[in-house]
């Protein structure tokens, strides 16, 4: 992948129904060029699926990441049992038997038994548990009072579940309703953050380098300043997670083409005055699983 592919996939991760025309305008490319790039990303296995799911905000779900060293002799056979749990959506393996396990919990009361499950299955004696703090939700004033999901809304989400780019006319025919009805309800769900339109993305299918940076902030550092620092490394910084229970910790997932580029980004992080420590972990492989969200 090149930086254009990274920017393209970042738009699709946010809204996988974004039109080729809009993507072309955003990237300054032709529609044909956008189509070819998406096709190549799909053929190489980097994009596996265009997905639709009930949004986490609509469910009031809790997102957690558990990470740490595994005492297992080999970590490459652990992901299967972890993926059977029903709440785990992501497992990634890094060097030194280091594991990352991401999960969606229905409520915070599920956290303790879930942590015990991961500790046992992943053989992680002393994992770190991060409860992800979402700072990306639109302000409530942008949302209408009607945030209920109705039976037809669930049917529309299911029709788009494995192909969120499916034409409105096809969804309408499948559900036996008018295209106008589907378009109106889908627009309502998007505007009220009730639906998540994204992609199943496997960057490890490329020859690129994906690194998780564990960043410890100085006590006096502000999260806003950190955001500006990471923004300087765009589009290399793919995601950043802040944790409500770990106020001085940030996790940043970084993409690079080469080890030299990775070293340069690490150097820029180490020179940042608000960062107390930087620990990079290069990911080898990641797995994505269906969860209870997909069965709603």
Protein backbone atom coordinates (compact mmCIF):
# COMPACT_ATOMS: atom_id res chain seq x y z
CA UNK A 1 0.00 0.00 0.00
CA UNK A 2 1.00 3.60 -0.49
CA UNK A 3 -0.22 6.67 1.39
CA UNK A 4 -3.07 7.15 -1.06
CA UNK A 5 -4.32 3.63 -0.25
CA UNK A 6 -4.10 4.41 3.46
CA UNK A 7 -6.13 7.60 3.09
CA UNK A 8 -8.63 5.78 0.88
CA UNK A 9 -9.13 2.99 3.41
CA UNK A 10 -9.44 5.52 6.24
CA UNK A 11 -12.43 7.08 4.44
CA UNK A 12 -13.96 3.64 3.90
CA UNK A 13 -13.43 2.69 7.54
CA UNK A 14 -15.50 5.75 8.51
CA UNK A 15 -18.20 5.26 5.86
CA UNK A 16 -17.94 2.33 3.48
CA UNK A 17 -20.85 3.64 1.40
CA UNK A 18 -18.94 6.75 0.37
CA UNK A 19 -19.38 7.05 -3.39
CA UNK A 20 -16.52 6.67 -5.86
CA UNK A 21 -17.20 10.26 -6.97
CA UNK A 22 -16.81 11.62 -3.45
CA UNK A 23 -13.68 9.53 -2.84
CA UNK A 24 -12.23 10.76 -6.13
CA UNK A 25 -12.90 14.38 -5.19
CA UNK A 26 -11.36 13.93 -1.74
CA UNK A 27 -8.19 12.32 -3.13
CA UNK A 28 -7.89 14.32 -6.34
CA UNK A 29 -8.07 11.19 -8.50
CA UNK A 30 -10.35 9.94 -11.25
CA UNK A 31 -13.30 7.68 -10.45
CA UNK A 32 -11.64 4.94 -12.51
CA UNK A 33 -8.45 5.24 -10.44
CA UNK A 34 -10.44 4.91 -7.19
CA UNK A 35 -12.25 1.85 -8.55
CA UNK A 36 -8.96 0.21 -9.55
CA UNK A 37 -7.37 0.88 -6.17
CA UNK A 38 -10.32 -0.62 -4.28
CA UNK A 39 -10.32 -3.66 -6.56
CA UNK A 40 -6.60 -4.21 -5.97
CA UNK A 41 -7.07 -3.86 -2.20
CA UNK A 42 -9.82 -6.48 -2.35
CA UNK A 43 -7.88 -8.86 -4.61
CA UNK A 44 -4.86 -8.69 -2.29
CA UNK A 45 -7.03 -9.52 0.74
CA UNK A 46 -6.43 -6.19 2.47
CA UNK A 47 -10.12 -5.30 2.24
CA UNK A 48 -12.16 -8.45 2.87
CA UNK A 49 -15.65 -7.10 3.28
CA UNK A 50 -17.75 -3.92 3.31
CA UNK A 51 -19.75 -4.14 6.53
CA UNK A 52 -22.81 -2.69 8.24
CA UNK A 53 -23.53 -3.10 11.94
CA UNK A 54 -25.58 -1.51 14.68
CA UNK A 55 -23.40 1.29 16.04
CA UNK A 56 -21.72 0.98 19.42
CA UNK A 57 -23.27 4.27 20.54
CA UNK A 58 -26.75 2.93 19.78
CA UNK A 59 -25.99 -0.10 21.93
CA UNK A 60 -24.21 1.82 24.72
CA UNK A 61 -21.57 -0.90 24.44
CA UNK A 62 -18.24 -0.85 26.24
CA UNK A 63 -15.10 -1.30 24.13
CA UNK A 64 -12.05 -2.78 25.83
CA UNK A 65 -8.56 -3.80 24.78
CA UNK A 66 -6.61 -6.33 26.84
CA UNK A 67 -2.91 -6.62 26.10
CA UNK A 68 0.20 -8.23 27.52
CA UNK A 69 2.64 -11.10 27.25
CA UNK A 70 1.36 -14.63 26.85
CA UNK A 71 3.05 -17.53 28.63
CA UNK A 72 1.93 -19.94 25.89
CA UNK A 73 4.66 -21.72 23.99
CA UNK A 74 3.14 -20.44 20.75
CA UNK A 75 0.58 -17.65 20.36
CA UNK A 76 -0.45 -18.53 16.82
CA UNK A 77 -2.97 -21.19 17.89
CA UNK A 78 -4.64 -19.09 20.60
CA UNK A 79 -6.81 -16.92 18.40
CA UNK A 80 -9.32 -19.67 17.56
CA UNK A 81 -10.55 -20.17 21.14
CA UNK A 82 -10.50 -16.44 21.80
CA UNK A 83 -12.62 -15.82 18.70
CA UNK A 84 -15.32 -18.17 19.99
CA UNK A 85 -16.15 -15.98 22.96
CA UNK A 86 -18.78 -13.88 21.21
CA UNK A 87 -17.54 -10.49 22.43
CA UNK A 88 -14.04 -10.56 20.94
CA UNK A 89 -13.84 -8.79 17.60
CA UNK A 90 -10.07 -8.56 17.15
CA UNK A 91 -6.95 -10.47 18.12
CA UNK A 92 -3.49 -9.32 17.08
CA UNK A 93 -0.12 -10.95 17.69
CA UNK A 94 3.11 -9.01 18.08
CA UNK A 95 6.69 -10.00 18.78
CA UNK A 96 7.73 -11.58 22.07
CA UNK A 97 4.42 -13.46 22.50
CA UNK A 98 2.63 -10.15 22.99
CA UNK A 99 -1.15 -10.23 22.40
CA UNK A 100 -3.86 -7.65 21.86
CA UNK A 101 -7.49 -8.66 22.39
CA UNK A 102 -10.28 -6.21 21.52
CA UNK A 103 -13.86 -6.77 22.63
CA UNK A 104 -17.31 -5.23 22.73
CA UNK A 105 -19.12 -5.75 26.04
CA UNK A 106 -22.84 -5.20 26.50
CA UNK A 107 -22.19 -3.45 29.81
CA UNK A 108 -19.42 -2.92 32.34
CA UNK A 109 -20.66 -5.79 34.54
CA UNK A 110 -19.29 -8.22 31.92
CA UNK A 111 -15.74 -6.89 32.32
CA UNK A 112 -14.49 -9.00 35.25
CA UNK A 113 -15.56 -12.43 33.91
CA UNK A 114 -14.35 -11.44 30.46
CA UNK A 115 -10.88 -10.54 31.75
CA UNK A 116 -10.69 -13.89 33.55
CA UNK A 117 -11.64 -15.67 30.32
CA UNK A 118 -8.91 -13.91 28.36
CA UNK A 119 -6.32 -14.54 31.06
CA UNK A 120 -7.09 -18.26 30.95
CA UNK A 121 -7.42 -18.73 27.18
CA UNK A 122 -4.49 -16.48 26.25
CA UNK A 123 -2.37 -17.53 29.24
CA UNK A 124 -1.82 -13.91 30.19
CA UNK A 125 -1.06 -13.79 33.91
CA UNK A 126 -0.83 -10.01 34.25
CA UNK A 127 -2.61 -8.32 31.35
CA UNK A 128 -3.35 -4.63 31.09
CA UNK A 129 -7.03 -3.81 30.66
CA UNK A 130 -7.91 -0.62 28.81
CA UNK A 131 -11.46 0.70 28.64
CA UNK A 132 -11.53 2.77 25.48
CA UNK A 133 -12.73 6.31 25.90
CA UNK A 134 -14.50 7.47 22.75
CA UNK A 135 -13.88 11.11 21.91
CA UNK A 136 -15.12 10.83 18.34
CA UNK A 137 -18.90 10.78 18.87
CA UNK A 138 -20.71 13.74 17.37
CA UNK A 139 -22.16 16.24 19.85
CA UNK A 140 -25.64 15.30 21.01
CA UNK A 141 -27.06 18.53 19.62
CA UNK A 142 -26.42 17.14 16.14
CA UNK A 143 -28.71 14.19 16.85
CA UNK A 144 -32.49 14.21 16.79
CA UNK A 145 -34.63 12.95 19.65
CA UNK A 146 -35.57 9.82 17.68
CA UNK A 147 -32.67 7.41 18.18
CA UNK A 148 -34.72 4.21 18.29
CA UNK A 149 -33.94 1.34 15.95
CA UNK A 150 -37.10 -0.18 14.52
CA UNK A 151 -37.54 -3.71 13.06
CA UNK A 152 -37.17 -2.45 9.49
CA UNK A 153 -33.95 -0.66 10.46
CA UNK A 154 -32.51 -3.96 11.70
CA UNK A 155 -33.58 -5.62 8.45
CA UNK A 156 -31.81 -2.94 6.43
CA UNK A 157 -28.64 -3.35 8.50
CA UNK A 158 -28.79 -7.11 8.01
CA UNK A 159 -29.26 -6.71 4.25
CA UNK A 160 -26.12 -4.53 4.18
CA UNK A 161 -24.20 -6.56 6.78
CA UNK A 162 -21.77 -8.31 4.41
CA UNK A 163 -21.98 -5.78 1.58
CA UNK A 164 -22.60 -2.27 2.81
CA UNK A 165 -22.15 -0.91 -0.73
CA UNK A 166 -25.19 -2.85 -1.97
CA UNK A 167 -27.43 -0.58 -4.08
CA UNK A 168 -30.53 0.84 -2.39
CA UNK A 169 -32.73 -0.72 -5.09
CA UNK A 170 -31.39 -4.20 -4.29
CA UNK A 171 -32.03 -3.74 -0.56
CA UNK A 172 -35.55 -2.50 -1.27
CA UNK A 173 -36.32 -5.49 -3.50
CA UNK A 174 -34.90 -7.90 -0.92
CA UNK A 175 -37.05 -6.44 1.87
CA UNK A 176 -40.17 -5.82 -0.19
CA UNK A 177 -40.31 -2.06 0.46
CA UNK A 178 -39.76 1.02 -1.68
CA UNK A 179 -36.32 2.38 -2.45
CA UNK A 180 -37.48 5.72 -1.04
CA UNK A 181 -38.25 4.07 2.31
CA UNK A 182 -34.84 2.38 2.49
CA UNK A 183 -33.04 5.59 1.52
CA UNK A 184 -34.94 7.62 4.13
CA UNK A 185 -34.36 5.13 6.94
CA UNK A 186 -30.69 4.63 6.08
CA UNK A 187 -30.12 8.40 6.02
CA UNK A 188 -31.80 8.68 9.41
CA UNK A 189 -29.60 5.95 10.89
CA UNK A 190 -26.44 7.57 9.51
CA UNK A 191 -27.39 11.06 10.72
CA UNK A 192 -28.19 9.76 14.20
CA UNK A 193 -25.12 7.52 14.50
CA UNK A 194 -27.23 4.37 14.75
CA UNK A 195 -25.38 2.41 12.07
CA UNK A 196 -21.68 1.70 11.56
CA UNK A 197 -20.67 1.42 7.91
CA UNK A 198 -17.09 0.21 7.66
CA UNK A 199 -14.78 -2.44 6.19
CA UNK A 200 -13.02 -5.59 7.35
CA UNK A 201 -9.46 -4.43 6.90
CA UNK A 202 -6.38 -6.68 7.04
CA UNK A 203 -3.29 -4.47 6.55
CA UNK A 204 -1.08 -7.42 7.50
CA UNK A 205 -1.99 -8.93 4.09
CA UNK A 206 0.36 -6.36 2.57
CA UNK A 207 4.13 -6.12 2.89
CA UNK A 208 3.82 -3.02 5.06
CA UNK A 209 4.63 -2.60 8.74
CA UNK A 210 1.91 -2.08 11.35
CA UNK A 211 3.17 -0.99 14.75
CA UNK A 212 1.37 -0.34 18.02
CA UNK A 213 3.00 2.47 19.99
CA UNK A 214 2.34 2.43 23.74
CA UNK A 215 2.67 6.07 24.77
CA UNK A 216 2.88 7.15 28.40
CA UNK A 217 2.10 10.84 28.86
CA UNK A 218 3.71 13.13 31.39
CA UNK A 219 1.28 13.91 34.24
CA UNK A 220 0.88 17.52 33.14
CA UNK A 221 0.30 16.65 29.46
CA UNK A 222 -3.08 17.36 27.91
CA UNK A 223 -4.86 14.93 25.59
CA UNK A 224 -5.52 17.73 23.08
CA UNK A 225 -1.81 18.40 22.66
CA UNK A 226 -1.25 14.68 22.10
CA UNK A 227 -3.88 14.67 19.37
CA UNK A 228 -2.12 17.50 17.57
CA UNK A 229 1.21 15.68 17.83
CA UNK A 230 -0.19 12.47 16.35
CA UNK A 231 -1.99 14.44 13.65
CA UNK A 232 1.38 15.65 12.39
CA UNK A 233 2.15 12.03 11.44
CA UNK A 234 -1.00 11.67 9.34
CA UNK A 235 -1.80 9.48 7.47
CA UNK A 236 0.70 7.11 9.14
CA UNK A 237 -1.21 7.13 12.43
CA UNK A 238 -4.20 4.95 11.63
CA UNK A 239 -5.95 4.91 15.01
CA UNK A 240 -5.36 6.24 18.49
CA UNK A 241 -7.06 5.02 21.62
CA UNK A 242 -7.31 6.77 24.95
CA UNK A 243 -8.45 4.84 28.02
CA UNK A 244 -10.85 6.08 30.66
CA UNK A 245 -9.16 3.91 33.31
CA UNK A 246 -5.58 4.66 32.18
CA UNK A 247 -5.58 8.47 31.94
CA UNK A 248 -1.89 8.84 31.08
CA UNK A 249 -1.77 6.10 28.44
CA UNK A 250 -2.36 6.38 24.69
CA UNK A 251 -2.19 3.56 22.16
CA UNK A 252 -1.41 4.59 18.57
CA UNK A 253 -1.51 2.20 15.61
CA UNK A 254 0.98 3.30 12.97
CA UNK A 255 1.46 2.23 9.35
CA UNK A 256 4.80 2.53 7.54
CA UNK A 257 6.23 1.23 4.28
CA UNK A 258 9.76 0.72 5.58
CA UNK A 259 11.70 0.27 8.81
CA UNK A 260 13.44 3.59 8.14
CA UNK A 261 10.08 5.36 8.05
CA UNK A 262 9.11 3.61 11.28
CA UNK A 263 12.38 4.70 12.89
CA UNK A 264 11.77 8.31 11.81
CA UNK A 265 8.27 8.31 13.36
CA UNK A 266 9.60 6.76 16.55
CA UNK A 267 12.26 9.47 16.66
CA UNK A 268 9.65 12.20 16.31
CA UNK A 269 7.64 10.65 19.15
CA UNK A 270 10.71 10.43 21.38
CA UNK A 271 11.41 14.14 20.83
CA UNK A 272 7.89 15.08 21.89
CA UNK A 273 8.09 16.85 25.26
CA UNK A 274 4.66 15.66 26.43
CA UNK A 275 5.59 11.97 26.06
CA UNK A 276 7.19 10.32 29.07
CA UNK A 277 7.88 6.98 27.37
CA UNK A 278 7.42 5.24 24.01
CA UNK A 279 7.25 1.46 23.51
CA UNK A 280 6.69 0.17 19.95
CA UNK A 281 5.36 -3.32 19.16
CA UNK A 282 5.36 -4.53 15.56
CA UNK A 283 2.29 -6.62 14.72
CA UNK A 284 2.72 -9.87 12.80
CA UNK A 285 -0.86 -10.90 12.17
CA UNK A 286 -4.40 -9.93 13.10
CA UNK A 287 -7.77 -11.71 13.11
CA UNK A 288 -11.29 -10.26 12.97
CA UNK A 289 -14.33 -12.09 14.37
CA UNK A 290 -18.09 -11.71 14.35
CA UNK A 291 -19.57 -10.86 17.75
CA UNK A 292 -22.98 -10.56 19.41
CA UNK A 293 -23.40 -7.28 17.48
CA UNK A 294 -23.55 -9.20 14.21
CA UNK A 295 -26.43 -11.37 15.48
CA UNK A 296 -28.76 -8.56 16.50
